[in-house]
């Protein structure tokens, strides 16, 4: 399941950001996608990795 989220983070970054980070991270990720795509991918991967470590917010 987690590998699928990392693949989605590359293809469609807002989906894993919403799933693992909630609305705040999802909306931030959508904004990053509109501005520049690469930071959105990085943000989504950070959100996923923080959730795996148990340090996610909210």
C-alpha atoms as a PDB file:
ATOM      1  CA  UNK A   1       0.000   0.000   0.000  1.00  0.00           C
ATOM      2  CA  UNK A   2       2.768   2.419   0.889  1.00  0.00           C
ATOM      3  CA  UNK A   3       4.558   1.811  -2.411  1.00  0.00           C
ATOM      4  CA  UNK A   4       1.343   2.732  -4.216  1.00  0.00           C
ATOM      5  CA  UNK A   5       1.215   6.014  -2.285  1.00  0.00           C
ATOM      6  CA  UNK A   6       4.776   6.864  -3.319  1.00  0.00           C
ATOM      7  CA  UNK A   7       3.887   6.130  -6.955  1.00  0.00           C
ATOM      8  CA  UNK A   8       0.808   8.350  -6.618  1.00  0.00           C
ATOM      9  CA  UNK A   9       3.009  11.033  -5.045  1.00  0.00           C
ATOM     10  CA  UNK A  10       4.975  11.142  -8.286  1.00  0.00           C
ATOM     11  CA  UNK A  11       2.002  10.963 -10.646  1.00  0.00           C
ATOM     12  CA  UNK A  12      -0.732  12.872  -8.745  1.00  0.00           C
ATOM     13  CA  UNK A  13       0.767  14.453  -5.597  1.00  0.00           C
ATOM     14  CA  UNK A  14      -2.434  15.865  -4.015  1.00  0.00           C
ATOM     15  CA  UNK A  15      -4.021  12.422  -3.527  1.00  0.00           C
ATOM     16  CA  UNK A  16      -1.483  11.064  -1.005  1.00  0.00           C
ATOM     17  CA  UNK A  17      -1.252  14.509   0.595  1.00  0.00           C
ATOM     18  CA  UNK A  18      -5.016  14.449   1.256  1.00  0.00           C
ATOM     19  CA  UNK A  19      -5.002  10.824   2.406  1.00  0.00           C
ATOM     20  CA  UNK A  20      -2.056  11.075   4.798  1.00  0.00           C
ATOM     21  CA  UNK A  21      -1.928  14.774   5.619  1.00  0.00           C
ATOM     22  CA  UNK A  22      -5.537  15.861   5.659  1.00  0.00           C
ATOM     23  CA  UNK A  23      -7.167  18.904   4.127  1.00  0.00           C
ATOM     24  CA  UNK A  24      -4.444  21.378   5.090  1.00  0.00           C
ATOM     25  CA  UNK A  25      -1.669  19.428   3.384  1.00  0.00           C
ATOM     26  CA  UNK A  26      -3.893  18.528   0.446  1.00  0.00           C
ATOM     27  CA  UNK A  27      -4.758  22.139  -0.332  1.00  0.00           C
ATOM     28  CA  UNK A  28      -1.137  23.194   0.066  1.00  0.00           C
ATOM     29  CA  UNK A  29      -0.144  20.459  -2.336  1.00  0.00           C
ATOM     30  CA  UNK A  30      -2.706  21.571  -4.919  1.00  0.00           C
ATOM     31  CA  UNK A  31      -1.268  25.077  -4.714  1.00  0.00           C
ATOM     32  CA  UNK A  32       2.236  23.690  -5.184  1.00  0.00           C
ATOM     33  CA  UNK A  33       1.036  21.701  -8.209  1.00  0.00           C
ATOM     34  CA  UNK A  34      -0.256  24.850  -9.856  1.00  0.00           C
ATOM     35  CA  UNK A  35       2.925  26.789  -9.157  1.00  0.00           C
ATOM     36  CA  UNK A  36       5.652  24.221  -9.749  1.00  0.00           C
ATOM     37  CA  UNK A  37       5.171  20.460  -9.965  1.00  0.00           C
ATOM     38  CA  UNK A  38       8.448  19.209  -8.411  1.00  0.00           C
ATOM     39  CA  UNK A  39       7.906  20.818  -4.959  1.00  0.00           C
ATOM     40  CA  UNK A  40       4.449  19.221  -4.865  1.00  0.00           C
ATOM     41  CA  UNK A  41       6.024  15.793  -5.359  1.00  0.00           C
ATOM     42  CA  UNK A  42       8.573  16.480  -2.623  1.00  0.00           C
ATOM     43  CA  UNK A  43       5.863  17.719  -0.247  1.00  0.00           C
ATOM     44  CA  UNK A  44       3.708  14.644  -0.856  1.00  0.00           C
ATOM     45  CA  UNK A  45       6.651  12.334  -0.165  1.00  0.00           C
ATOM     46  CA  UNK A  46       7.462  14.197   3.047  1.00  0.00           C
ATOM     47  CA  UNK A  47       3.857  13.865   4.202  1.00  0.00           C
ATOM     48  CA  UNK A  48       3.904  10.128   3.457  1.00  0.00           C
ATOM     49  CA  UNK A  49       7.227   9.562   5.199  1.00  0.00           C
ATOM     50  CA  UNK A  50       6.144  11.556   8.268  1.00  0.00           C
ATOM     51  CA  UNK A  51       2.996   9.443   8.499  1.00  0.00           C
ATOM     52  CA  UNK A  52       5.096   6.261   8.298  1.00  0.00           C
ATOM     53  CA  UNK A  53       7.317   7.459  11.139  1.00  0.00           C
ATOM     54  CA  UNK A  54       4.314   8.454  13.233  1.00  0.00           C
ATOM     55  CA  UNK A  55       5.191  12.160  13.281  1.00  0.00           C
ATOM     56  CA  UNK A  56       2.329  13.407  11.135  1.00  0.00           C
ATOM     57  CA  UNK A  57       0.266  16.371  12.285  1.00  0.00           C
ATOM     58  CA  UNK A  58      -3.441  16.295  13.081  1.00  0.00           C
END
